[in-house]
Amino acid sequence: MWRDDRGMALVLVLLCAMLFLALGGALVAVVSSEATISATFRESAAASSGAEAAIVRVLPDLAATPDLNAILQGTAASSFSDGAAGVRRLPDGAELDLATATDIERCGQPGCTAAQMDAVTADRPWGVNNARWQIYGSGWLRDLTPAGDAPHVYVVVWIGDDPLETDADPLTDDGDVNAPGHDVVLLRAAGFAAYSAHRRIEVVAHRDGGIVRVISWREIR
């Protein structure tokens, strides 16, 4: 009888140990998940701030450019640029191919054709007047701060013609000074941070006498 009681006690001890191990594992999982969620939220905010900062950085260059068409055609860029081609290593270790990223903005997939860029879709409903995005600026957010101590975020700014123009030429600004789309462009910026955080914003900007005014701002999901 003594041996049976001792055996039951051993079983109870083992069961209690397994229960405590399970509770400990669950607690570790919860703490780890909370840390990941918090870090993702923080990096998403950094990516969004980076995109906004990049827009602000390129606006003076846009105001000063003498030839808007050169920008729309991709032959002129902002002074904030580390090159419009090649692959960048992002904070989370992933690679960003700038050419592929530009194609995705243009038509939603790599290797855009003219027909795909001119297609009418929910995101791009203007057909032949869809913006033909060109990289206007790119680089690390830290390069925009004097101390270079900004969060580790990579930013890209694309520029495109105002899609409300009806000239069917997204690489050339409307030459009619009285047209609503004259000297009006779209700027789209993306910030890439750790934990695969990626945020995009888009603004409509109007150049007027060497001054650029932001007409509208929106976040793109």
N, C-alpha and C. Protein backbone atom coordinates (compact mmCIF):
# COMPACT_ATOMS: atom_id res chain seq x y z
N MET A 1 0.83 -1.20 0.00
CA MET A 1 0.00 0.00 0.00
C MET A 1 0.87 1.26 0.00
N TRP A 2 1.94 1.25 0.74
CA TRP A 2 2.87 2.39 0.80
C TRP A 2 3.47 2.68 -0.57
N ARG A 3 3.80 1.61 -1.31
CA ARG A 3 4.38 1.79 -2.64
C ARG A 3 3.37 2.43 -3.59
N ASP A 4 2.08 2.03 -3.48
CA ASP A 4 1.06 2.62 -4.36
C ASP A 4 0.92 4.11 -4.10
N ASP A 5 0.89 4.53 -2.80
CA ASP A 5 0.77 5.94 -2.47
C ASP A 5 1.96 6.73 -3.00
N ARG A 6 3.14 6.14 -2.86
CA ARG A 6 4.34 6.83 -3.36
C ARG A 6 4.29 6.99 -4.87
N GLY A 7 3.77 5.98 -5.53
CA GLY A 7 3.65 6.07 -6.98
C GLY A 7 2.68 7.15 -7.41
N MET A 8 1.55 7.27 -6.69
CA MET A 8 0.59 8.32 -7.00
C MET A 8 1.19 9.70 -6.79
N ALA A 9 1.98 9.84 -5.73
CA ALA A 9 2.62 11.14 -5.47
C ALA A 9 3.57 11.51 -6.60
N LEU A 10 4.30 10.52 -7.10
CA LEU A 10 5.22 10.78 -8.20
C LEU A 10 4.47 11.22 -9.45
N VAL A 11 3.35 10.56 -9.71
CA VAL A 11 2.54 10.94 -10.87
C VAL A 11 2.04 12.37 -10.73
N LEU A 12 1.56 12.71 -9.51
CA LEU A 12 1.08 14.08 -9.28
C LEU A 12 2.19 15.11 -9.46
N VAL A 13 3.38 14.78 -8.99
CA VAL A 13 4.51 15.69 -9.15
C VAL A 13 4.82 15.90 -10.62
N LEU A 14 4.83 14.81 -11.39
CA LEU A 14 5.10 14.92 -12.83
C LEU A 14 4.03 15.73 -13.54
N LEU A 15 2.78 15.51 -13.17
CA LEU A 15 1.70 16.27 -13.80
C LEU A 15 1.82 17.76 -13.48
N CYS A 16 2.12 18.05 -12.22
CA CYS A 16 2.31 19.46 -11.84
C CYS A 16 3.48 20.09 -12.59
N ALA A 17 4.57 19.32 -12.73
CA ALA A 17 5.73 19.83 -13.45
C ALA A 17 5.38 20.13 -14.90
N MET A 18 4.62 19.22 -15.54
CA MET A 18 4.20 19.43 -16.93
C MET A 18 3.29 20.65 -17.05
N LEU A 19 2.41 20.83 -16.06
CA LEU A 19 1.52 21.99 -16.08
C LEU A 19 2.31 23.29 -15.97
N PHE A 20 3.28 23.31 -15.06
CA PHE A 20 4.08 24.52 -14.90
C PHE A 20 4.92 24.80 -16.14
N LEU A 21 5.43 23.74 -16.77
CA LEU A 21 6.19 23.93 -18.00
C LEU A 21 5.31 24.50 -19.10
N ALA A 22 4.09 23.98 -19.21
CA ALA A 22 3.16 24.49 -20.23
C ALA A 22 2.82 25.95 -19.98
N LEU A 23 2.55 26.29 -18.71
CA LEU A 23 2.24 27.68 -18.37
C LEU A 23 3.43 28.59 -18.65
N GLY A 24 4.63 28.10 -18.32
CA GLY A 24 5.83 28.89 -18.59
C GLY A 24 6.03 29.11 -20.07
N GLY A 25 5.81 28.05 -20.88
CA GLY A 25 5.95 28.19 -22.33
C GLY A 25 4.94 29.16 -22.90
N ALA A 26 3.70 29.10 -22.39
CA ALA A 26 2.68 30.03 -22.86
C ALA A 26 3.03 31.46 -22.52
N LEU A 27 3.58 31.67 -21.32
CA LEU A 27 3.97 33.01 -20.89
C LEU A 27 5.09 33.55 -21.78
N VAL A 28 6.06 32.70 -22.09
CA VAL A 28 7.16 33.11 -22.96
C VAL A 28 6.63 33.49 -24.34
N ALA A 29 5.69 32.67 -24.85
CA ALA A 29 5.12 32.95 -26.17
C ALA A 29 4.38 34.28 -26.19
N VAL A 30 3.61 34.53 -25.11
CA VAL A 30 2.86 35.79 -25.04
C VAL A 30 3.81 36.98 -24.99
N VAL A 31 4.83 36.89 -24.15
CA VAL A 31 5.80 37.98 -24.03
C VAL A 31 6.51 38.21 -25.36
N SER A 32 6.89 37.12 -26.02
CA SER A 32 7.57 37.25 -27.31
C SER A 32 6.66 37.89 -28.36
N SER A 33 5.38 37.47 -28.38
CA SER A 33 4.43 38.04 -29.34
C SER A 33 4.22 39.53 -29.07
N GLU A 34 4.09 39.88 -27.80
CA GLU A 34 3.90 41.28 -27.45
C GLU A 34 5.11 42.12 -27.88
N ALA A 35 6.31 41.56 -27.71
CA ALA A 35 7.52 42.29 -28.10
C ALA A 35 7.57 42.47 -29.61
N THR A 36 7.17 41.43 -30.35
CA THR A 36 7.18 41.52 -31.81
C THR A 36 6.15 42.54 -32.30
N ILE A 37 4.95 42.50 -31.69
CA ILE A 37 3.91 43.46 -32.08
C ILE A 37 4.36 44.89 -31.80
N SER A 38 4.97 45.09 -30.63
CA SER A 38 5.44 46.42 -30.27
C SER A 38 6.53 46.90 -31.23
N ALA A 39 7.45 45.99 -31.58
CA ALA A 39 8.54 46.36 -32.49
C ALA A 39 8.00 46.65 -33.89
N THR A 40 7.04 45.86 -34.32
CA THR A 40 6.45 46.07 -35.65
C THR A 40 5.74 47.42 -35.71
N PHE A 41 5.01 47.74 -34.65
CA PHE A 41 4.33 49.04 -34.59
C PHE A 41 5.35 50.18 -34.63
N ARG A 42 6.42 50.03 -33.87
CA ARG A 42 7.46 51.07 -33.85
C ARG A 42 8.10 51.25 -35.21
N GLU A 43 8.43 50.13 -35.88
CA GLU A 43 9.08 50.21 -37.18
C GLU A 43 8.13 50.74 -38.25
N SER A 44 6.84 50.40 -38.13
CA SER A 44 5.86 50.93 -39.09
C SER A 44 5.76 52.44 -38.97
N ALA A 45 5.78 52.94 -37.75
CA ALA A 45 5.75 54.39 -37.54
C ALA A 45 7.01 55.04 -38.10
N ALA A 46 8.16 54.37 -37.94
CA ALA A 46 9.41 54.90 -38.49
C ALA A 46 9.36 54.92 -40.02
N ALA A 47 8.79 53.87 -40.62
CA ALA A 47 8.69 53.81 -42.08
C ALA A 47 7.79 54.92 -42.60
N SER A 48 6.67 55.17 -41.91
CA SER A 48 5.75 56.23 -42.31
C SER A 48 6.41 57.60 -42.19
N SER A 49 7.10 57.82 -41.08
CA SER A 49 7.80 59.10 -40.88
C SER A 49 8.89 59.29 -41.92
N GLY A 50 9.57 58.19 -42.27
CA GLY A 50 10.61 58.27 -43.27
C GLY A 50 10.07 58.67 -44.63
N ALA A 51 8.91 58.11 -44.99
CA ALA A 51 8.30 58.46 -46.27
C ALA A 51 7.93 59.94 -46.30
N GLU A 52 7.37 60.44 -45.20
CA GLU A 52 7.01 61.86 -45.13
C GLU A 52 8.25 62.74 -45.22
N ALA A 53 9.30 62.36 -44.51
CA ALA A 53 10.54 63.15 -44.53
C ALA A 53 11.14 63.19 -45.93
N ALA A 54 11.05 62.08 -46.65
CA ALA A 54 11.61 62.04 -48.00
C ALA A 54 10.84 62.99 -48.94
N ILE A 55 9.51 63.03 -48.78
CA ILE A 55 8.71 63.96 -49.58
C ILE A 55 9.15 65.40 -49.32
N VAL A 56 9.27 65.74 -48.04
CA VAL A 56 9.68 67.10 -47.68
C VAL A 56 11.06 67.41 -48.25
N ARG A 57 11.95 66.42 -48.24
CA ARG A 57 13.32 66.65 -48.72
C ARG A 57 13.38 66.97 -50.21
N VAL A 58 12.54 66.33 -51.03
CA VAL A 58 12.66 66.52 -52.48
C VAL A 58 11.87 67.72 -52.99
N LEU A 59 10.98 68.29 -52.17
CA LEU A 59 10.16 69.40 -52.65
C LEU A 59 10.99 70.61 -53.11
N PRO A 60 12.05 71.02 -52.40
CA PRO A 60 12.86 72.15 -52.90
C PRO A 60 13.50 71.85 -54.25
N ASP A 61 13.93 70.61 -54.46
CA ASP A 61 14.51 70.26 -55.76
C ASP A 61 13.46 70.34 -56.85
N LEU A 62 12.24 69.91 -56.54
CA LEU A 62 11.16 69.99 -57.52
C LEU A 62 10.85 71.44 -57.86
N ALA A 63 10.89 72.31 -56.86
CA ALA A 63 10.60 73.72 -57.09
C ALA A 63 11.66 74.37 -57.97
N ALA A 64 12.91 73.93 -57.81
CA ALA A 64 14.03 74.58 -58.49
C ALA A 64 14.30 74.04 -59.89
N THR A 65 13.72 72.91 -60.25
CA THR A 65 14.06 72.32 -61.54
C THR A 65 13.57 73.17 -62.69
N PRO A 66 14.39 73.36 -63.72
CA PRO A 66 13.96 74.18 -64.85
C PRO A 66 13.13 73.40 -65.86
N ASP A 67 13.19 72.08 -65.84
CA ASP A 67 12.51 71.27 -66.85
C ASP A 67 11.74 70.14 -66.19
N LEU A 68 10.45 70.34 -66.01
CA LEU A 68 9.62 69.33 -65.37
C LEU A 68 9.53 68.07 -66.22
N ASN A 69 9.56 68.22 -67.53
CA ASN A 69 9.45 67.05 -68.40
C ASN A 69 10.65 66.11 -68.25
N ALA A 70 11.82 66.67 -67.97
CA ALA A 70 12.99 65.83 -67.77
C ALA A 70 12.81 64.94 -66.54
N ILE A 71 12.14 65.46 -65.53
CA ILE A 71 11.86 64.65 -64.33
C ILE A 71 10.84 63.57 -64.66
N LEU A 72 9.78 63.94 -65.37
CA LEU A 72 8.73 62.98 -65.70
C LEU A 72 9.25 61.86 -66.61
N GLN A 73 10.29 62.16 -67.37
CA GLN A 73 10.87 61.17 -68.28
C GLN A 73 12.02 60.40 -67.65
N GLY A 74 12.37 60.74 -66.41
CA GLY A 74 13.39 59.99 -65.69
C GLY A 74 14.81 60.38 -65.99
N THR A 75 15.02 61.51 -66.65
CA THR A 75 16.40 61.92 -66.97
C THR A 75 16.95 62.94 -65.97
N ALA A 76 16.13 63.39 -65.04
CA ALA A 76 16.59 64.31 -63.99
C ALA A 76 16.02 63.81 -62.67
N ALA A 77 16.79 63.99 -61.61
CA ALA A 77 16.37 63.48 -60.30
C ALA A 77 16.73 64.47 -59.21
N SER A 78 16.21 64.20 -58.02
CA SER A 78 16.53 65.02 -56.86
C SER A 78 18.00 64.83 -56.47
N SER A 79 18.54 65.82 -55.75
CA SER A 79 19.90 65.69 -55.25
C SER A 79 19.98 64.66 -54.13
N PHE A 80 18.84 64.30 -53.56
CA PHE A 80 18.79 63.20 -52.59
C PHE A 80 18.63 61.90 -53.36
N SER A 81 19.73 61.27 -53.68
CA SER A 81 19.66 60.05 -54.48
C SER A 81 20.93 59.23 -54.30
N ASP A 82 20.75 57.93 -54.10
CA ASP A 82 21.89 57.02 -54.08
C ASP A 82 21.89 56.12 -55.32
N GLY A 83 21.22 56.62 -56.36
CA GLY A 83 21.16 55.88 -57.62
C GLY A 83 19.79 55.28 -57.84
N ALA A 84 19.36 55.25 -59.10
CA ALA A 84 18.02 54.77 -59.41
C ALA A 84 18.00 53.32 -59.85
N ALA A 85 19.09 52.62 -59.68
CA ALA A 85 19.13 51.22 -60.11
C ALA A 85 19.84 50.39 -59.05
N GLY A 86 19.67 49.08 -59.18
CA GLY A 86 20.38 48.18 -58.29
C GLY A 86 19.53 47.66 -57.15
N VAL A 87 20.18 46.90 -56.28
CA VAL A 87 19.50 46.23 -55.17
C VAL A 87 20.00 46.83 -53.85
N ARG A 88 19.09 47.07 -52.94
CA ARG A 88 19.44 47.58 -51.62
C ARG A 88 19.12 46.52 -50.56
N ARG A 89 19.96 46.40 -49.57
CA ARG A 89 19.74 45.48 -48.46
C ARG A 89 18.95 46.21 -47.38
N LEU A 90 17.74 45.76 -47.11
CA LEU A 90 16.87 46.43 -46.16
C LEU A 90 17.21 46.04 -44.71
N PRO A 91 16.69 46.79 -43.73
CA PRO A 91 17.02 46.52 -42.33
C PRO A 91 16.69 45.11 -41.86
N ASP A 92 15.66 44.47 -42.45
CA ASP A 92 15.30 43.12 -42.01
C ASP A 92 16.03 42.04 -42.80
N GLY A 93 17.00 42.45 -43.63
CA GLY A 93 17.78 41.49 -44.41
C GLY A 93 17.25 41.22 -45.79
N ALA A 94 16.01 41.65 -46.07
CA ALA A 94 15.44 41.44 -47.40
C ALA A 94 16.12 42.36 -48.40
N GLU A 95 16.00 42.01 -49.68
CA GLU A 95 16.59 42.82 -50.75
C GLU A 95 15.49 43.58 -51.48
N LEU A 96 15.77 44.85 -51.78
CA LEU A 96 14.85 45.69 -52.54
C LEU A 96 15.49 46.02 -53.87
N ASP A 97 14.91 45.49 -54.94
CA ASP A 97 15.35 45.81 -56.29
C ASP A 97 14.57 47.05 -56.73
N LEU A 98 15.25 48.15 -56.94
CA LEU A 98 14.57 49.40 -57.24
C LEU A 98 13.81 49.34 -58.57
N ALA A 99 14.37 48.64 -59.54
CA ALA A 99 13.67 48.52 -60.82
C ALA A 99 12.37 47.74 -60.66
N THR A 100 12.44 46.65 -59.91
CA THR A 100 11.23 45.85 -59.68
C THR A 100 10.22 46.63 -58.86
N ALA A 101 10.68 47.34 -57.84
CA ALA A 101 9.77 48.14 -57.02
C ALA A 101 9.07 49.20 -57.86
N THR A 102 9.80 49.78 -58.81
CA THR A 102 9.20 50.79 -59.69
C THR A 102 8.15 50.15 -60.59
N ASP A 103 8.44 48.98 -61.12
CA ASP A 103 7.45 48.29 -61.95
C ASP A 103 6.18 47.98 -61.17
N ILE A 104 6.33 47.58 -59.92
CA ILE A 104 5.16 47.27 -59.11
C ILE A 104 4.31 48.52 -58.90
N GLU A 105 4.95 49.67 -58.73
CA GLU A 105 4.18 50.91 -58.62
C GLU A 105 3.49 51.23 -59.94
N ARG A 106 4.13 50.91 -61.05
CA ARG A 106 3.57 51.25 -62.36
C ARG A 106 2.42 50.36 -62.79
N CYS A 107 2.52 49.06 -62.50
CA CYS A 107 1.48 48.15 -63.01
C CYS A 107 1.13 47.02 -62.06
N GLY A 108 1.78 46.96 -60.90
CA GLY A 108 1.45 45.94 -59.92
C GLY A 108 2.22 44.66 -60.05
N GLN A 109 3.19 44.60 -60.96
CA GLN A 109 3.99 43.39 -61.13
C GLN A 109 5.31 43.73 -61.82
N PRO A 110 6.31 42.86 -61.70
CA PRO A 110 7.58 43.13 -62.36
C PRO A 110 7.44 43.06 -63.88
N GLY A 111 8.30 43.79 -64.58
CA GLY A 111 8.35 43.71 -66.04
C GLY A 111 7.13 44.29 -66.72
N CYS A 112 6.77 45.53 -66.40
CA CYS A 112 5.57 46.14 -66.99
C CYS A 112 5.72 46.35 -68.49
N THR A 113 4.64 46.10 -69.20
CA THR A 113 4.55 46.48 -70.60
C THR A 113 3.75 47.78 -70.70
N ALA A 114 3.81 48.42 -71.86
CA ALA A 114 3.06 49.66 -72.05
C ALA A 114 1.56 49.40 -71.88
N ALA A 115 1.10 48.27 -72.38
CA ALA A 115 -0.33 47.95 -72.27
C ALA A 115 -0.73 47.77 -70.81
N GLN A 116 0.12 47.15 -70.01
CA GLN A 116 -0.19 46.95 -68.59
C GLN A 116 -0.21 48.28 -67.85
N MET A 117 0.70 49.18 -68.18
CA MET A 117 0.72 50.48 -67.51
C MET A 117 -0.48 51.34 -67.92
N ASP A 118 -1.00 51.11 -69.13
CA ASP A 118 -2.14 51.89 -69.61
C ASP A 118 -3.48 51.25 -69.27
N ALA A 119 -3.45 50.07 -68.66
CA ALA A 119 -4.69 49.36 -68.35
C ALA A 119 -5.48 50.10 -67.27
N VAL A 120 -6.79 50.04 -67.39
CA VAL A 120 -7.66 50.64 -66.39
C VAL A 120 -7.90 49.63 -65.28
N THR A 121 -7.50 49.98 -64.06
CA THR A 121 -7.70 49.11 -62.90
C THR A 121 -8.28 49.93 -61.76
N ALA A 122 -8.61 49.25 -60.66
CA ALA A 122 -9.16 49.97 -59.50
C ALA A 122 -8.15 50.96 -58.93
N ASP A 123 -6.87 50.58 -58.93
CA ASP A 123 -5.83 51.46 -58.40
C ASP A 123 -5.36 52.50 -59.41
N ARG A 124 -5.54 52.18 -60.70
CA ARG A 124 -5.05 53.06 -61.76
C ARG A 124 -6.16 53.23 -62.81
N PRO A 125 -7.15 54.06 -62.49
CA PRO A 125 -8.33 54.15 -63.35
C PRO A 125 -8.24 55.14 -64.51
N TRP A 126 -7.06 55.70 -64.75
CA TRP A 126 -6.96 56.76 -65.75
C TRP A 126 -6.44 56.28 -67.11
N GLY A 127 -6.23 54.99 -67.26
CA GLY A 127 -5.84 54.45 -68.56
C GLY A 127 -4.53 55.01 -69.08
N VAL A 128 -4.57 55.58 -70.30
CA VAL A 128 -3.34 56.09 -70.92
C VAL A 128 -2.76 57.28 -70.17
N ASN A 129 -3.53 57.85 -69.26
CA ASN A 129 -3.02 58.96 -68.45
C ASN A 129 -2.51 58.51 -67.09
N ASN A 130 -2.44 57.19 -66.86
CA ASN A 130 -1.85 56.68 -65.62
C ASN A 130 -0.42 57.20 -65.47
N ALA A 131 -0.05 57.50 -64.24
CA ALA A 131 1.31 57.98 -63.98
C ALA A 131 2.34 56.92 -64.37
N ARG A 132 3.37 57.32 -65.07
CA ARG A 132 4.51 56.45 -65.38
C ARG A 132 5.60 56.77 -64.35
N TRP A 133 5.52 56.12 -63.21
CA TRP A 133 6.38 56.49 -62.09
C TRP A 133 7.86 56.39 -62.45
N GLN A 134 8.60 57.43 -62.06
CA GLN A 134 10.05 57.47 -62.19
C GLN A 134 10.64 57.69 -60.81
N ILE A 135 11.77 57.05 -60.53
CA ILE A 135 12.43 57.29 -59.24
C ILE A 135 13.00 58.71 -59.24
N TYR A 136 12.58 59.49 -58.27
CA TYR A 136 13.04 60.87 -58.16
C TYR A 136 14.07 61.04 -57.05
N GLY A 137 13.95 60.26 -55.99
CA GLY A 137 14.90 60.33 -54.90
C GLY A 137 14.93 59.01 -54.15
N SER A 138 16.07 58.70 -53.54
CA SER A 138 16.18 57.45 -52.78
C SER A 138 17.41 57.51 -51.88
N GLY A 139 17.33 56.80 -50.77
CA GLY A 139 18.46 56.75 -49.86
C GLY A 139 18.01 56.40 -48.45
N TRP A 140 18.94 56.47 -47.51
CA TRP A 140 18.66 56.14 -46.12
C TRP A 140 18.18 57.37 -45.38
N LEU A 141 17.21 57.16 -44.49
CA LEU A 141 16.65 58.26 -43.72
C LEU A 141 17.73 58.97 -42.92
N ARG A 142 18.73 58.23 -42.46
CA ARG A 142 19.79 58.85 -41.66
C ARG A 142 20.55 59.93 -42.44
N ASP A 143 20.54 59.82 -43.78
CA ASP A 143 21.23 60.82 -44.60
C ASP A 143 20.48 62.14 -44.66
N LEU A 144 19.25 62.16 -44.14
CA LEU A 144 18.46 63.39 -44.14
C LEU A 144 18.61 64.17 -42.85
N THR A 145 19.34 63.62 -41.88
CA THR A 145 19.51 64.30 -40.60
C THR A 145 20.97 64.69 -40.41
N PRO A 146 21.24 65.85 -39.84
CA PRO A 146 22.62 66.30 -39.66
C PRO A 146 23.47 65.33 -38.86
N ALA A 147 22.89 64.75 -37.82
CA ALA A 147 23.66 63.84 -36.96
C ALA A 147 23.69 62.42 -37.50
N GLY A 148 22.85 62.13 -38.49
CA GLY A 148 22.81 60.78 -39.05
C GLY A 148 22.34 59.73 -38.08
N ASP A 149 21.48 60.14 -37.12
CA ASP A 149 21.05 59.21 -36.08
C ASP A 149 19.58 58.84 -36.21
N ALA A 150 19.01 58.99 -37.40
CA ALA A 150 17.60 58.64 -37.61
C ALA A 150 17.43 57.13 -37.62
N PRO A 151 16.19 56.64 -37.45
CA PRO A 151 15.95 55.19 -37.52
C PRO A 151 16.45 54.61 -38.84
N HIS A 152 16.77 53.33 -38.81
CA HIS A 152 17.34 52.65 -39.97
C HIS A 152 16.22 52.36 -40.98
N VAL A 153 15.91 53.35 -41.79
CA VAL A 153 14.81 53.24 -42.76
C VAL A 153 15.33 53.63 -44.14
N TYR A 154 14.96 52.83 -45.15
CA TYR A 154 15.31 53.18 -46.52
C TYR A 154 14.07 53.78 -47.18
N VAL A 155 14.26 54.87 -47.91
CA VAL A 155 13.12 55.57 -48.51
C VAL A 155 13.32 55.74 -50.02
N VAL A 156 12.22 55.67 -50.73
CA VAL A 156 12.21 55.88 -52.18
C VAL A 156 11.09 56.85 -52.50
N VAL A 157 11.35 57.82 -53.38
CA VAL A 157 10.33 58.76 -53.85
C VAL A 157 10.20 58.61 -55.36
N TRP A 158 8.98 58.32 -55.80
CA TRP A 158 8.69 58.29 -57.23
C TRP A 158 7.90 59.54 -57.62
N ILE A 159 8.01 59.92 -58.89
CA ILE A 159 7.26 61.08 -59.38
C ILE A 159 6.52 60.68 -60.65
N GLY A 160 5.34 61.24 -60.84
CA GLY A 160 4.54 60.95 -62.03
C GLY A 160 3.69 62.15 -62.39
N ASP A 161 3.23 62.16 -63.62
CA ASP A 161 2.39 63.25 -64.11
C ASP A 161 1.01 63.18 -63.46
N ASP A 162 0.38 64.34 -63.36
CA ASP A 162 -0.97 64.40 -62.81
C ASP A 162 -1.91 63.57 -63.70
N PRO A 163 -2.53 62.50 -63.18
CA PRO A 163 -3.35 61.63 -64.01
C PRO A 163 -4.64 62.27 -64.48
N LEU A 164 -4.99 63.43 -63.93
CA LEU A 164 -6.21 64.09 -64.37
C LEU A 164 -6.03 64.81 -65.69
N GLU A 165 -4.79 64.90 -66.17
CA GLU A 165 -4.57 65.43 -67.50
C GLU A 165 -5.18 64.48 -68.53
N THR A 166 -5.59 65.01 -69.65
CA THR A 166 -6.24 64.20 -70.68
C THR A 166 -5.47 64.21 -71.99
N ASP A 167 -4.15 64.48 -71.92
CA ASP A 167 -3.36 64.55 -73.14
C ASP A 167 -2.81 63.20 -73.56
N ALA A 168 -3.09 62.14 -72.79
CA ALA A 168 -2.62 60.78 -73.09
C ALA A 168 -1.10 60.70 -73.20
N ASP A 169 -0.41 61.57 -72.47
CA ASP A 169 1.06 61.59 -72.49
C ASP A 169 1.56 61.77 -71.06
N PRO A 170 1.71 60.67 -70.31
CA PRO A 170 2.12 60.78 -68.91
C PRO A 170 3.59 61.13 -68.71
N LEU A 171 4.34 61.26 -69.79
CA LEU A 171 5.76 61.62 -69.68
C LEU A 171 6.00 63.09 -69.98
N THR A 172 4.93 63.83 -70.22
CA THR A 172 5.05 65.25 -70.55
C THR A 172 3.98 66.03 -69.81
N ASP A 173 4.38 67.14 -69.21
CA ASP A 173 3.42 67.99 -68.53
C ASP A 173 2.56 68.71 -69.54
N ASP A 174 1.31 68.96 -69.18
CA ASP A 174 0.41 69.70 -70.07
C ASP A 174 0.98 71.09 -70.33
N GLY A 175 1.19 71.42 -71.60
CA GLY A 175 1.81 72.69 -71.95
C GLY A 175 0.89 73.88 -71.84
N ASP A 176 -0.39 73.65 -71.70
CA ASP A 176 -1.36 74.74 -71.58
C ASP A 176 -1.31 75.28 -70.15
N VAL A 177 -0.85 76.53 -70.02
CA VAL A 177 -0.70 77.10 -68.67
C VAL A 177 -2.03 77.26 -67.96
N ASN A 178 -3.12 77.23 -68.71
CA ASN A 178 -4.44 77.36 -68.10
C ASN A 178 -5.08 76.01 -67.77
N ALA A 179 -4.41 74.93 -68.15
CA ALA A 179 -4.96 73.59 -67.89
C ALA A 179 -4.79 73.25 -66.40
N PRO A 180 -5.77 72.56 -65.81
CA PRO A 180 -5.67 72.22 -64.38
C PRO A 180 -4.44 71.38 -64.05
N GLY A 181 -3.95 70.58 -65.00
CA GLY A 181 -2.82 69.71 -64.72
C GLY A 181 -1.46 70.33 -65.00
N HIS A 182 -1.44 71.58 -65.45
CA HIS A 182 -0.16 72.23 -65.76
C HIS A 182 0.65 72.44 -64.48
N ASP A 183 1.89 71.95 -64.50
CA ASP A 183 2.80 72.07 -63.36
C ASP A 183 2.29 71.35 -62.11
N VAL A 184 1.45 70.33 -62.30
CA VAL A 184 0.95 69.53 -61.19
C VAL A 184 1.50 68.10 -61.34
N VAL A 185 2.08 67.56 -60.27
CA VAL A 185 2.65 66.23 -60.32
C VAL A 185 2.21 65.42 -59.10
N LEU A 186 2.41 64.12 -59.20
CA LEU A 186 2.22 63.22 -58.07
C LEU A 186 3.59 62.82 -57.51
N LEU A 187 3.70 62.77 -56.22
CA LEU A 187 4.88 62.24 -55.55
C LEU A 187 4.44 61.08 -54.68
N ARG A 188 5.07 59.95 -54.85
CA ARG A 188 4.75 58.77 -54.03
C ARG A 188 6.02 58.32 -53.34
N ALA A 189 5.96 58.23 -52.01
CA ALA A 189 7.14 57.84 -51.23
C ALA A 189 6.85 56.58 -50.44
N ALA A 190 7.87 55.74 -50.32
CA ALA A 190 7.77 54.50 -49.54
C ALA A 190 8.92 54.43 -48.56
N GLY A 191 8.61 54.01 -47.33
CA GLY A 191 9.63 53.79 -46.32
C GLY A 191 9.70 52.32 -45.98
N PHE A 192 10.91 51.78 -45.92
CA PHE A 192 11.13 50.36 -45.63
C PHE A 192 11.95 50.26 -44.35
N ALA A 193 11.39 49.60 -43.33
CA ALA A 193 12.06 49.47 -42.04
C ALA A 193 12.20 48.00 -41.67
N ALA A 194 12.66 47.75 -40.44
CA ALA A 194 12.82 46.38 -39.96
C ALA A 194 11.46 45.71 -39.76
N TYR A 195 11.48 44.40 -39.52
CA TYR A 195 10.27 43.61 -39.33
C TYR A 195 9.35 43.69 -40.56
N SER A 196 9.95 43.90 -41.74
CA SER A 196 9.21 43.98 -43.00
C SER A 196 8.19 45.12 -43.01
N ALA A 197 8.38 46.13 -42.16
CA ALA A 197 7.48 47.28 -42.13
C ALA A 197 7.66 48.09 -43.41
N HIS A 198 6.54 48.44 -44.04
CA HIS A 198 6.55 49.14 -45.32
C HIS A 198 5.35 50.08 -45.36
N ARG A 199 5.60 51.36 -45.51
CA ARG A 199 4.53 52.34 -45.55
C ARG A 199 4.71 53.25 -46.77
N ARG A 200 3.57 53.64 -47.39
CA ARG A 200 3.61 54.49 -48.57
C ARG A 200 2.66 55.67 -48.40
N ILE A 201 3.07 56.81 -48.91
CA ILE A 201 2.19 57.97 -48.95
C ILE A 201 2.27 58.58 -50.35
N GLU A 202 1.24 59.33 -50.69
CA GLU A 202 1.20 59.99 -52.00
C GLU A 202 0.69 61.41 -51.82
N VAL A 203 1.33 62.36 -52.49
CA VAL A 203 0.88 63.74 -52.43
C VAL A 203 0.72 64.27 -53.85
N VAL A 204 -0.19 65.21 -54.00
CA VAL A 204 -0.33 65.97 -55.23
C VAL A 204 0.31 67.32 -54.98
N ALA A 205 1.24 67.70 -55.84
CA ALA A 205 2.00 68.94 -55.64
C ALA A 205 1.88 69.85 -56.86
N HIS A 206 1.78 71.13 -56.61
CA HIS A 206 1.65 72.13 -57.68
C HIS A 206 2.82 73.11 -57.61
N ARG A 207 3.53 73.21 -58.72
CA ARG A 207 4.63 74.19 -58.80
C ARG A 207 4.07 75.52 -59.28
N ASP A 208 4.45 76.59 -58.59
CA ASP A 208 3.94 77.90 -58.96
C ASP A 208 4.98 78.96 -58.64
N GLY A 209 5.64 79.46 -59.68
CA GLY A 209 6.61 80.53 -59.49
C GLY A 209 7.76 80.17 -58.58
N GLY A 210 8.29 78.97 -58.71
CA GLY A 210 9.41 78.55 -57.88
C GLY A 210 9.02 78.07 -56.50
N ILE A 211 7.74 77.93 -56.26
CA ILE A 211 7.23 77.43 -54.98
C ILE A 211 6.38 76.19 -55.25
N VAL A 212 6.52 75.20 -54.39
CA VAL A 212 5.71 73.99 -54.52
C VAL A 212 4.71 73.94 -53.38
N ARG A 213 3.45 73.79 -53.72
CA ARG A 213 2.39 73.67 -52.72
C ARG A 213 1.85 72.24 -52.75
N VAL A 214 1.70 71.65 -51.59
CA VAL A 214 1.10 70.32 -51.49
C VAL A 214 -0.42 70.50 -51.46
N ILE A 215 -1.08 69.96 -52.48
CA ILE A 215 -2.53 70.10 -52.61
C ILE A 215 -3.27 69.05 -51.78
N SER A 216 -2.75 67.82 -51.79
CA SER A 216 -3.40 66.75 -51.04
C SER A 216 -2.37 65.72 -50.60
N TRP A 217 -2.74 64.96 -49.59
CA TRP A 217 -1.86 63.93 -49.00
C TRP A 217 -2.71 62.74 -48.63
N ARG A 218 -2.21 61.54 -48.91
CA ARG A 218 -2.95 60.35 -48.48
C ARG A 218 -1.97 59.21 -48.25
N GLU A 219 -2.36 58.30 -47.37
CA GLU A 219 -1.59 57.08 -47.14
C GLU A 219 -2.14 56.00 -48.04
N ILE A 220 -1.25 55.22 -48.64
CA ILE A 220 -1.64 54.15 -49.54
C ILE A 220 -1.49 52.82 -48.82
N ARG A 221 -2.53 52.04 -48.80
CA ARG A 221 -2.49 50.73 -48.16
C ARG A 221 -2.23 49.64 -49.19
